[in-house]
Amino acid sequence: MIKMEEENIRNSIRKFLIKKPRNTAEISFWLSKINKLSNIDLAEFLESDTGIVRIGEIRNSGVIDPSNSLSEWATKEWAEDHRRHMVDDLTGGY
């Protein structure tokens, strides 16, 4: 894959994830809808992006094989911001 095309895809995904996390299937569907899906291993591609983090797994989310799971992805900023809010909620803001 051409380096510039890779960077365009990364930027598009980051923008898609800015407001809320999405699972791998949602990201894949969205990329194909906007004609940006190349022949890539999406999970590997997302893992290699330092601005995107895996925040969990979704099980039994309409997946045909329940032994499979979907990863949930977010921007690093989203994850850090929400982690801070969770700590504030637990400590009462102290």
PDB file of N, CA and C in Angstrom:
ATOM      1  N   MET A   1       0.851  -1.169   0.000  1.00  0.00           N
ATOM      2  CA  MET A   1       0.000   0.000   0.000  1.00  0.00           C
ATOM      3  C   MET A   1       0.900   1.236   0.000  1.00  0.00           C
ATOM      4  N   ILE A   2       0.538   2.228  -0.760  1.00  0.00           N
ATOM      5  CA  ILE A   2       1.314   3.452  -0.852  1.00  0.00           C
ATOM      6  C   ILE A   2       1.240   4.198   0.477  1.00  0.00           C
ATOM      7  N   LYS A   3       2.380   4.735   0.913  1.00  0.00           N
ATOM      8  CA  LYS A   3       2.474   5.403   2.211  1.00  0.00           C
ATOM      9  C   LYS A   3       1.453   6.534   2.366  1.00  0.00           C
ATOM     10  N   MET A   4       1.265   7.347   1.329  1.00  0.00           N
ATOM     11  CA  MET A   4       0.325   8.465   1.406  1.00  0.00           C
ATOM     12  C   MET A   4      -1.117   7.958   1.542  1.00  0.00           C
ATOM     13  N   GLU A   5      -1.432   6.894   0.819  1.00  0.00           N
ATOM     14  CA  GLU A   5      -2.770   6.296   0.915  1.00  0.00           C
ATOM     15  C   GLU A   5      -2.998   5.762   2.330  1.00  0.00           C
ATOM     16  N   GLU A   6      -1.966   5.126   2.895  1.00  0.00           N
ATOM     17  CA  GLU A   6      -2.054   4.620   4.274  1.00  0.00           C
ATOM     18  C   GLU A   6      -2.354   5.750   5.244  1.00  0.00           C
ATOM     19  N   GLU A   7      -1.642   6.857   5.098  1.00  0.00           N
ATOM     20  CA  GLU A   7      -1.829   7.991   5.997  1.00  0.00           C
ATOM     21  C   GLU A   7      -3.221   8.594   5.845  1.00  0.00           C
ATOM     22  N   ASN A   8      -3.736   8.649   4.621  1.00  0.00           N
ATOM     23  CA  ASN A   8      -5.097   9.146   4.389  1.00  0.00           C
ATOM     24  C   ASN A   8      -6.129   8.259   5.079  1.00  0.00           C
ATOM     25  N   ILE A   9      -5.929   6.943   5.002  1.00  0.00           N
ATOM     26  CA  ILE A   9      -6.844   6.005   5.653  1.00  0.00           C
ATOM     27  C   ILE A   9      -6.769   6.177   7.172  1.00  0.00           C
ATOM     28  N   ARG A  10      -5.552   6.300   7.710  1.00  0.00           N
ATOM     29  CA  ARG A  10      -5.381   6.502   9.151  1.00  0.00           C
ATOM     30  C   ARG A  10      -6.097   7.767   9.621  1.00  0.00           C
ATOM     31  N   ASN A  11      -5.908   8.859   8.890  1.00  0.00           N
ATOM     32  CA  ASN A  11      -6.555  10.125   9.262  1.00  0.00           C
ATOM     33  C   ASN A  11      -8.073  10.010   9.198  1.00  0.00           C
ATOM     34  N   SER A  12      -8.573   9.317   8.187  1.00  0.00           N
ATOM     35  CA  SER A  12     -10.024   9.123   8.067  1.00  0.00           C
ATOM     36  C   SER A  12     -10.569   8.325   9.244  1.00  0.00           C
ATOM     37  N   ILE A  13      -9.871   7.268   9.626  1.00  0.00           N
ATOM     38  CA  ILE A  13     -10.314   6.435  10.751  1.00  0.00           C
ATOM     39  C   ILE A  13     -10.275   7.237  12.046  1.00  0.00           C
ATOM     40  N   ARG A  14      -9.198   8.003  12.260  1.00  0.00           N
ATOM     41  CA  ARG A  14      -9.113   8.816  13.483  1.00  0.00           C
ATOM     42  C   ARG A  14     -10.293   9.779  13.577  1.00  0.00           C
ATOM     43  N   LYS A  15     -10.644  10.407  12.457  1.00  0.00           N
ATOM     44  CA  LYS A  15     -11.785  11.331  12.445  1.00  0.00           C
ATOM     45  C   LYS A  15     -13.084  10.587  12.744  1.00  0.00           C
ATOM     46  N   PHE A  16     -13.212   9.373  12.216  1.00  0.00           N
ATOM     47  CA  PHE A  16     -14.407   8.563  12.457  1.00  0.00           C
ATOM     48  C   PHE A  16     -14.541   8.183  13.930  1.00  0.00           C
ATOM     49  N   LEU A  17     -13.409   8.012  14.604  1.00  0.00           N
ATOM     50  CA  LEU A  17     -13.405   7.579  16.003  1.00  0.00           C
ATOM     51  C   LEU A  17     -13.395   8.730  17.005  1.00  0.00           C
ATOM     52  N   ILE A  18     -13.357   9.955  16.525  1.00  0.00           N
ATOM     53  CA  ILE A  18     -13.185  11.101  17.421  1.00  0.00           C
ATOM     54  C   ILE A  18     -14.283  11.230  18.468  1.00  0.00           C
ATOM     55  N   LYS A  19     -15.532  10.969  18.104  1.00  0.00           N
ATOM     56  CA  LYS A  19     -16.653  11.179  19.033  1.00  0.00           C
ATOM     57  C   LYS A  19     -16.942   9.972  19.914  1.00  0.00           C
ATOM     58  N   LYS A  20     -16.718   8.775  19.383  1.00  0.00           N
ATOM     59  CA  LYS A  20     -16.997   7.584  20.183  1.00  0.00           C
ATOM     60  C   LYS A  20     -16.261   6.381  19.605  1.00  0.00           C
ATOM     61  N   PRO A  21     -16.019   5.373  20.440  1.00  0.00           N
ATOM     62  CA  PRO A  21     -15.355   4.158  19.981  1.00  0.00           C
ATOM     63  C   PRO A  21     -16.233   3.393  18.987  1.00  0.00           C
ATOM     64  N   ARG A  22     -15.600   2.601  18.160  1.00  0.00           N
ATOM     65  CA  ARG A  22     -16.302   1.749  17.188  1.00  0.00           C
ATOM     66  C   ARG A  22     -15.621   0.390  17.166  1.00  0.00           C
ATOM     67  N   ASN A  23     -16.394  -0.623  16.767  1.00  0.00           N
ATOM     68  CA  ASN A  23     -15.781  -1.948  16.659  1.00  0.00           C
ATOM     69  C   ASN A  23     -15.222  -2.152  15.254  1.00  0.00           C
ATOM     70  N   THR A  24     -14.448  -3.201  15.106  1.00  0.00           N
ATOM     71  CA  THR A  24     -13.754  -3.474  13.848  1.00  0.00           C
ATOM     72  C   THR A  24     -14.726  -3.583  12.676  1.00  0.00           C
ATOM     73  N   ALA A  25     -15.865  -4.227  12.890  1.00  0.00           N
ATOM     74  CA  ALA A  25     -16.849  -4.382  11.811  1.00  0.00           C
ATOM     75  C   ALA A  25     -17.424  -3.036  11.379  1.00  0.00           C
ATOM     76  N   GLU A  26     -17.713  -2.168  12.348  1.00  0.00           N
ATOM     77  CA  GLU A  26     -18.231  -0.840  12.017  1.00  0.00           C
ATOM     78  C   GLU A  26     -17.220  -0.030  11.215  1.00  0.00           C
ATOM     79  N   ILE A  27     -15.961  -0.107  11.622  1.00  0.00           N
ATOM     80  CA  ILE A  27     -14.906   0.628  10.912  1.00  0.00           C
ATOM     81  C   ILE A  27     -14.755   0.082   9.504  1.00  0.00           C
ATOM     82  N   SER A  28     -14.747  -1.233   9.364  1.00  0.00           N
ATOM     83  CA  SER A  28     -14.608  -1.867   8.054  1.00  0.00           C
ATOM     84  C   SER A  28     -15.767  -1.477   7.127  1.00  0.00           C
ATOM     85  N   PHE A  29     -16.992  -1.532   7.652  1.00  0.00           N
ATOM     86  CA  PHE A  29     -18.167  -1.172   6.862  1.00  0.00           C
ATOM     87  C   PHE A  29     -18.092   0.292   6.432  1.00  0.00           C
ATOM     88  N   TRP A  30     -17.732   1.162   7.358  1.00  0.00           N
ATOM     89  CA  TRP A  30     -17.634   2.589   7.066  1.00  0.00           C
ATOM     90  C   TRP A  30     -16.567   2.858   6.002  1.00  0.00           C
ATOM     91  N   LEU A  31     -15.403   2.204   6.129  1.00  0.00           N
ATOM     92  CA  LEU A  31     -14.343   2.386   5.134  1.00  0.00           C
ATOM     93  C   LEU A  31     -14.798   1.922   3.750  1.00  0.00           C
ATOM     94  N   SER A  32     -15.509   0.798   3.684  1.00  0.00           N
ATOM     95  CA  SER A  32     -15.966   0.316   2.378  1.00  0.00           C
ATOM     96  C   SER A  32     -17.029   1.252   1.803  1.00  0.00           C
ATOM     97  N   LYS A  33     -17.825   1.849   2.681  1.00  0.00           N
ATOM     98  CA  LYS A  33     -18.868   2.774   2.243  1.00  0.00           C
ATOM     99  C   LYS A  33     -18.274   4.041   1.618  1.00  0.00           C
ATOM    100  N   ILE A  34     -17.141   4.495   2.142  1.00  0.00           N
ATOM    101  CA  ILE A  34     -16.513   5.694   1.586  1.00  0.00           C
ATOM    102  C   ILE A  34     -15.390   5.341   0.605  1.00  0.00           C
ATOM    103  N   ASN A  35     -15.359   4.079   0.192  1.00  0.00           N
ATOM    104  CA  ASN A  35     -14.399   3.593  -0.812  1.00  0.00           C
ATOM    105  C   ASN A  35     -12.947   3.801  -0.414  1.00  0.00           C
ATOM    106  N   LYS A  36     -12.630   3.592   0.859  1.00  0.00           N
ATOM    107  CA  LYS A  36     -11.250   3.726   1.323  1.00  0.00           C
ATOM    108  C   LYS A  36     -10.683   2.409   1.827  1.00  0.00           C
ATOM    109  N   LEU A  37     -11.436   1.346   1.689  1.00  0.00           N
ATOM    110  CA  LEU A  37     -10.960   0.075   2.214  1.00  0.00           C
ATOM    111  C   LEU A  37     -10.037  -0.582   1.194  1.00  0.00           C
ATOM    112  N   SER A  38      -8.805  -0.735   1.589  1.00  0.00           N
ATOM    113  CA  SER A  38      -7.839  -1.434   0.755  1.00  0.00           C
ATOM    114  C   SER A  38      -7.756  -2.872   1.244  1.00  0.00           C
ATOM    115  N   ASN A  39      -6.969  -3.654   0.579  1.00  0.00           N
ATOM    116  CA  ASN A  39      -6.800  -5.045   0.954  1.00  0.00           C
ATOM    117  C   ASN A  39      -5.810  -5.115   2.126  1.00  0.00           C
ATOM    118  N   ILE A  40      -6.316  -4.820   3.338  1.00  0.00           N
ATOM    119  CA  ILE A  40      -5.462  -4.784   4.523  1.00  0.00           C
ATOM    120  C   ILE A  40      -6.085  -5.620   5.636  1.00  0.00           C
ATOM    121  N   ASP A  41      -5.239  -6.040   6.565  1.00  0.00           N
ATOM    122  CA  ASP A  41      -5.718  -6.656   7.798  1.00  0.00           C
ATOM    123  C   ASP A  41      -6.039  -5.490   8.721  1.00  0.00           C
ATOM    124  N   LEU A  42      -7.314  -5.183   8.882  1.00  0.00           N
ATOM    125  CA  LEU A  42      -7.730  -3.978   9.581  1.00  0.00           C
ATOM    126  C   LEU A  42      -7.247  -3.940  11.025  1.00  0.00           C
ATOM    127  N   ALA A  43      -7.357  -5.049  11.745  1.00  0.00           N
ATOM    128  CA  ALA A  43      -6.919  -5.070  13.149  1.00  0.00           C
ATOM    129  C   ALA A  43      -5.421  -4.775  13.234  1.00  0.00           C
ATOM    130  N   GLU A  44      -4.647  -5.381  12.377  1.00  0.00           N
ATOM    131  CA  GLU A  44      -3.200  -5.142  12.367  1.00  0.00           C
ATOM    132  C   GLU A  44      -2.900  -3.678  12.017  1.00  0.00           C
ATOM    133  N   PHE A  45      -3.638  -3.154  11.049  1.00  0.00           N
ATOM    134  CA  PHE A  45      -3.479  -1.768  10.616  1.00  0.00           C
ATOM    135  C   PHE A  45      -3.792  -0.809  11.771  1.00  0.00           C
ATOM    136  N   LEU A  46      -4.886  -1.076  12.500  1.00  0.00           N
ATOM    137  CA  LEU A  46      -5.269  -0.220  13.623  1.00  0.00           C
ATOM    138  C   LEU A  46      -4.263  -0.330  14.768  1.00  0.00           C
ATOM    139  N   GLU A  47      -3.775  -1.534  15.026  1.00  0.00           N
ATOM    140  CA  GLU A  47      -2.784  -1.731  16.090  1.00  0.00           C
ATOM    141  C   GLU A  47      -1.497  -0.983  15.813  1.00  0.00           C
ATOM    142  N   SER A  48      -1.161  -0.808  14.548  1.00  0.00           N
ATOM    143  CA  SER A  48       0.094  -0.144  14.192  1.00  0.00           C
ATOM    144  C   SER A  48      -0.011   1.380  14.243  1.00  0.00           C
ATOM    145  N   ASP A  49      -1.211   1.902  14.484  1.00  0.00           N
ATOM    146  CA  ASP A  49      -1.414   3.350  14.553  1.00  0.00           C
ATOM    147  C   ASP A  49      -1.270   3.804  15.998  1.00  0.00           C
ATOM    148  N   THR A  50      -0.308   4.683  16.258  1.00  0.00           N
ATOM    149  CA  THR A  50      -0.057   5.127  17.632  1.00  0.00           C
ATOM    150  C   THR A  50      -1.157   6.044  18.165  1.00  0.00           C
ATOM    151  N   GLY A  51      -2.033   6.545  17.297  1.00  0.00           N
ATOM    152  CA  GLY A  51      -3.114   7.418  17.722  1.00  0.00           C
ATOM    153  C   GLY A  51      -4.412   6.683  18.001  1.00  0.00           C
ATOM    154  N   ILE A  52      -4.410   5.363  17.791  1.00  0.00           N
ATOM    155  CA  ILE A  52      -5.618   4.545  17.988  1.00  0.00           C
ATOM    156  C   ILE A  52      -5.286   3.419  18.963  1.00  0.00           C
ATOM    157  N   VAL A  53      -6.209   3.169  19.895  1.00  0.00           N
ATOM    158  CA  VAL A  53      -5.983   2.105  20.877  1.00  0.00           C
ATOM    159  C   VAL A  53      -7.170   1.144  20.911  1.00  0.00           C
ATOM    160  N   ARG A  54      -6.862  -0.106  21.216  1.00  0.00           N
ATOM    161  CA  ARG A  54      -7.907  -1.119  21.422  1.00  0.00           C
ATOM    162  C   ARG A  54      -8.373  -0.965  22.863  1.00  0.00           C
ATOM    163  N   ILE A  55      -9.673  -0.740  23.055  1.00  0.00           N
ATOM    164  CA  ILE A  55     -10.161  -0.504  24.411  1.00  0.00           C
ATOM    165  C   ILE A  55     -11.001  -1.649  24.952  1.00  0.00           C
ATOM    166  N   GLY A  56     -11.237  -2.660  24.131  1.00  0.00           N
ATOM    167  CA  GLY A  56     -12.005  -3.794  24.637  1.00  0.00           C
ATOM    168  C   GLY A  56     -12.465  -4.714  23.530  1.00  0.00           C
ATOM    169  N   GLU A  57     -13.251  -5.683  23.937  1.00  0.00           N
ATOM    170  CA  GLU A  57     -13.830  -6.643  23.008  1.00  0.00           C
ATOM    171  C   GLU A  57     -15.332  -6.678  23.199  1.00  0.00           C
ATOM    172  N   ILE A  58     -16.017  -6.937  22.123  1.00  0.00           N
ATOM    173  CA  ILE A  58     -17.470  -7.079  22.166  1.00  0.00           C
ATOM    174  C   ILE A  58     -17.775  -8.523  21.804  1.00  0.00           C
ATOM    175  N   ARG A  59     -18.472  -9.196  22.655  1.00  0.00           N
ATOM    176  CA  ARG A  59     -18.858 -10.590  22.386  1.00  0.00           C
ATOM    177  C   ARG A  59     -20.352 -10.651  22.114  1.00  0.00           C
ATOM    178  N   ASN A  60     -20.744 -11.589  21.244  1.00  0.00           N
ATOM    179  CA  ASN A  60     -22.158 -11.807  20.916  1.00  0.00           C
ATOM    180  C   ASN A  60     -22.869 -10.549  20.410  1.00  0.00           C
ATOM    181  N   SER A  61     -22.166  -9.763  19.639  1.00  0.00           N
ATOM    182  CA  SER A  61     -22.763  -8.547  19.096  1.00  0.00           C
ATOM    183  C   SER A  61     -23.218  -8.805  17.660  1.00  0.00           C
ATOM    184  N   GLY A  62     -24.131  -9.731  17.507  1.00  0.00           N
ATOM    185  CA  GLY A  62     -24.601 -10.067  16.172  1.00  0.00           C
ATOM    186  C   GLY A  62     -23.598 -10.875  15.372  1.00  0.00           C
ATOM    187  N   VAL A  63     -22.578 -11.372  16.030  1.00  0.00           N
ATOM    188  CA  VAL A  63     -21.566 -12.178  15.360  1.00  0.00           C
ATOM    189  C   VAL A  63     -22.119 -13.592  15.194  1.00  0.00           C
ATOM    190  N   ILE A  64     -21.966 -14.134  14.000  1.00  0.00           N
ATOM    191  CA  ILE A  64     -22.506 -15.461  13.714  1.00  0.00           C
ATOM    192  C   ILE A  64     -21.869 -16.522  14.615  1.00  0.00           C
ATOM    193  N   ASP A  65     -20.561 -16.462  14.772  1.00  0.00           N
ATOM    194  CA  ASP A  65     -19.859 -17.431  15.607  1.00  0.00           C
ATOM    195  C   ASP A  65     -19.555 -16.778  16.958  1.00  0.00           C
ATOM    196  N   PRO A  66     -20.270 -17.149  18.013  1.00  0.00           N
ATOM    197  CA  PRO A  66     -20.088 -16.504  19.315  1.00  0.00           C
ATOM    198  C   PRO A  66     -18.692 -16.669  19.907  1.00  0.00           C
ATOM    199  N   SER A  67     -17.894 -17.594  19.388  1.00  0.00           N
ATOM    200  CA  SER A  67     -16.534 -17.738  19.905  1.00  0.00           C
ATOM    201  C   SER A  67     -15.639 -16.618  19.368  1.00  0.00           C
ATOM    202  N   ASN A  68     -16.093 -15.952  18.308  1.00  0.00           N
ATOM    203  CA  ASN A  68     -15.344 -14.810  17.786  1.00  0.00           C
ATOM    204  C   ASN A  68     -15.757 -13.552  18.535  1.00  0.00           C
ATOM    205  N   SER A  69     -14.855 -12.604  18.596  1.00  0.00           N
ATOM    206  CA  SER A  69     -15.189 -11.336  19.219  1.00  0.00           C
ATOM    207  C   SER A  69     -14.729 -10.212  18.305  1.00  0.00           C
ATOM    208  N   LEU A  70     -15.294  -9.046  18.522  1.00  0.00           N
ATOM    209  CA  LEU A  70     -14.894  -7.869  17.781  1.00  0.00           C
ATOM    210  C   LEU A  70     -14.143  -6.953  18.731  1.00  0.00           C
ATOM    211  N   SER A  71     -13.057  -6.387  18.256  1.00  0.00           N
ATOM    212  CA  SER A  71     -12.339  -5.421  19.079  1.00  0.00           C
ATOM    213  C   SER A  71     -13.023  -4.074  18.968  1.00  0.00           C
ATOM    214  N   GLU A  72     -12.947  -3.319  20.047  1.00  0.00           N
ATOM    215  CA  GLU A  72     -13.473  -1.964  20.043  1.00  0.00           C
ATOM    216  C   GLU A  72     -12.279  -1.016  20.065  1.00  0.00           C
ATOM    217  N   TRP A  73     -12.339   0.024  19.234  1.00  0.00           N
ATOM    218  CA  TRP A  73     -11.226   0.938  19.021  1.00  0.00           C
ATOM    219  C   TRP A  73     -11.640   2.370  19.331  1.00  0.00           C
ATOM    220  N   ALA A  74     -10.680   3.161  19.804  1.00  0.00           N
ATOM    221  CA  ALA A  74     -10.919   4.579  20.078  1.00  0.00           C
ATOM    222  C   ALA A  74      -9.629   5.337  19.793  1.00  0.00           C
ATOM    223  N   THR A  75      -9.756   6.654  19.681  1.00  0.00           N
ATOM    224  CA  THR A  75      -8.538   7.450  19.574  1.00  0.00           C
ATOM    225  C   THR A  75      -7.880   7.458  20.950  1.00  0.00           C
ATOM    226  N   LYS A  76      -6.584   7.642  20.956  1.00  0.00           N
ATOM    227  CA  LYS A  76      -5.845   7.682  22.213  1.00  0.00           C
ATOM    228  C   LYS A  76      -6.378   8.818  23.100  1.00  0.00           C
ATOM    229  N   GLU A  77      -6.697   9.953  22.490  1.00  0.00           N
ATOM    230  CA  GLU A  77      -7.216  11.098  23.249  1.00  0.00           C
ATOM    231  C   GLU A  77      -8.560  10.775  23.895  1.00  0.00           C
ATOM    232  N   TRP A  78      -9.443  10.093  23.154  1.00  0.00           N
ATOM    233  CA  TRP A  78     -10.752   9.729  23.699  1.00  0.00           C
ATOM    234  C   TRP A  78     -10.570   8.822  24.911  1.00  0.00           C
ATOM    235  N   ALA A  79      -9.710   7.820  24.761  1.00  0.00           N
ATOM    236  CA  ALA A  79      -9.490   6.860  25.847  1.00  0.00           C
ATOM    237  C   ALA A  79      -8.907   7.553  27.078  1.00  0.00           C
ATOM    238  N   GLU A  80      -7.931   8.429  26.880  1.00  0.00           N
ATOM    239  CA  GLU A  80      -7.322   9.132  28.015  1.00  0.00           C
ATOM    240  C   GLU A  80      -8.336  10.048  28.689  1.00  0.00           C
ATOM    241  N   ASP A  81      -9.121  10.770  27.912  1.00  0.00           N
ATOM    242  CA  ASP A  81     -10.117  11.684  28.465  1.00  0.00           C
ATOM    243  C   ASP A  81     -11.162  10.929  29.275  1.00  0.00           C
ATOM    244  N   HIS A  82     -11.641   9.810  28.761  1.00  0.00           N
ATOM    245  CA  HIS A  82     -12.672   9.048  29.462  1.00  0.00           C
ATOM    246  C   HIS A  82     -12.106   8.314  30.678  1.00  0.00           C
ATOM    247  N   ARG A  83     -10.866   7.945  30.639  1.00  0.00           N
ATOM    248  CA  ARG A  83     -10.226   7.336  31.803  1.00  0.00           C
ATOM    249  C   ARG A  83     -10.146   8.362  32.937  1.00  0.00           C
ATOM    250  N   ARG A  84      -9.807   9.607  32.586  1.00  0.00           N
ATOM    251  CA  ARG A  84      -9.746  10.682  33.579  1.00  0.00           C
ATOM    252  C   ARG A  84     -11.117  10.908  34.209  1.00  0.00           C
ATOM    253  N   HIS A  85     -12.159  10.937  33.373  1.00  0.00           N
ATOM    254  CA  HIS A  85     -13.514  11.141  33.895  1.00  0.00           C
ATOM    255  C   HIS A  85     -13.925   9.988  34.807  1.00  0.00           C
ATOM    256  N   MET A  86     -13.537   8.765  34.456  1.00  0.00           N
ATOM    257  CA  MET A  86     -13.889   7.610  35.295  1.00  0.00           C
ATOM    258  C   MET A  86     -13.204   7.723  36.653  1.00  0.00           C
ATOM    259  N   VAL A  87     -11.950   8.152  36.677  1.00  0.00           N
ATOM    260  CA  VAL A  87     -11.213   8.299  37.941  1.00  0.00           C
ATOM    261  C   VAL A  87     -11.860   9.392  38.768  1.00  0.00           C
ATOM    262  N   ASP A  88     -12.215  10.522  38.138  1.00  0.00           N
ATOM    263  CA  ASP A  88     -12.885  11.618  38.855  1.00  0.00           C
ATOM    264  C   ASP A  88     -14.206  11.145  39.460  1.00  0.00           C
ATOM    265  N   ASP A  89     -14.963  10.351  38.707  1.00  0.00           N
ATOM    266  CA  ASP A  89     -16.243   9.835  39.220  1.00  0.00           C
ATOM    267  C   ASP A  89     -16.025   8.937  40.440  1.00  0.00           C
ATOM    268  N   LEU A  90     -14.969   8.135  40.404  1.00  0.00           N
ATOM    269  CA  LEU A  90     -14.702   7.209  41.502  1.00  0.00           C
ATOM    270  C   LEU A  90     -14.169   7.932  42.742  1.00  0.00           C
ATOM    271  N   THR A  91     -13.401   9.006  42.525  1.00  0.00           N
ATOM    272  CA  THR A  91     -12.776   9.702  43.655  1.00  0.00           C
ATOM    273  C   THR A  91     -13.556  10.936  44.097  1.00  0.00           C
ATOM    274  N   GLY A  92     -14.625  11.233  43.390  1.00  0.00           N
ATOM    275  CA  GLY A  92     -15.397  12.421  43.717  1.00  0.00           C
ATOM    276  C   GLY A  92     -14.706  13.701  43.264  1.00  0.00           C
ATOM    277  N   GLY A  93     -13.791  13.562  42.290  1.00  0.00           N
ATOM    278  CA  GLY A  93     -13.086  14.720  41.748  1.00  0.00           C
ATOM    279  C   GLY A  93     -11.865  15.136  42.547  1.00  0.00           C
ATOM    280  N   TYR A  94     -11.430  14.308  43.512  1.00  0.00           N
ATOM    281  CA  TYR A  94     -10.270  14.650  44.339  1.00  0.00           C
ATOM    282  C   TYR A  94      -9.035  13.963  43.857  1.00  0.00           C
TER     283      TYR A  94
END
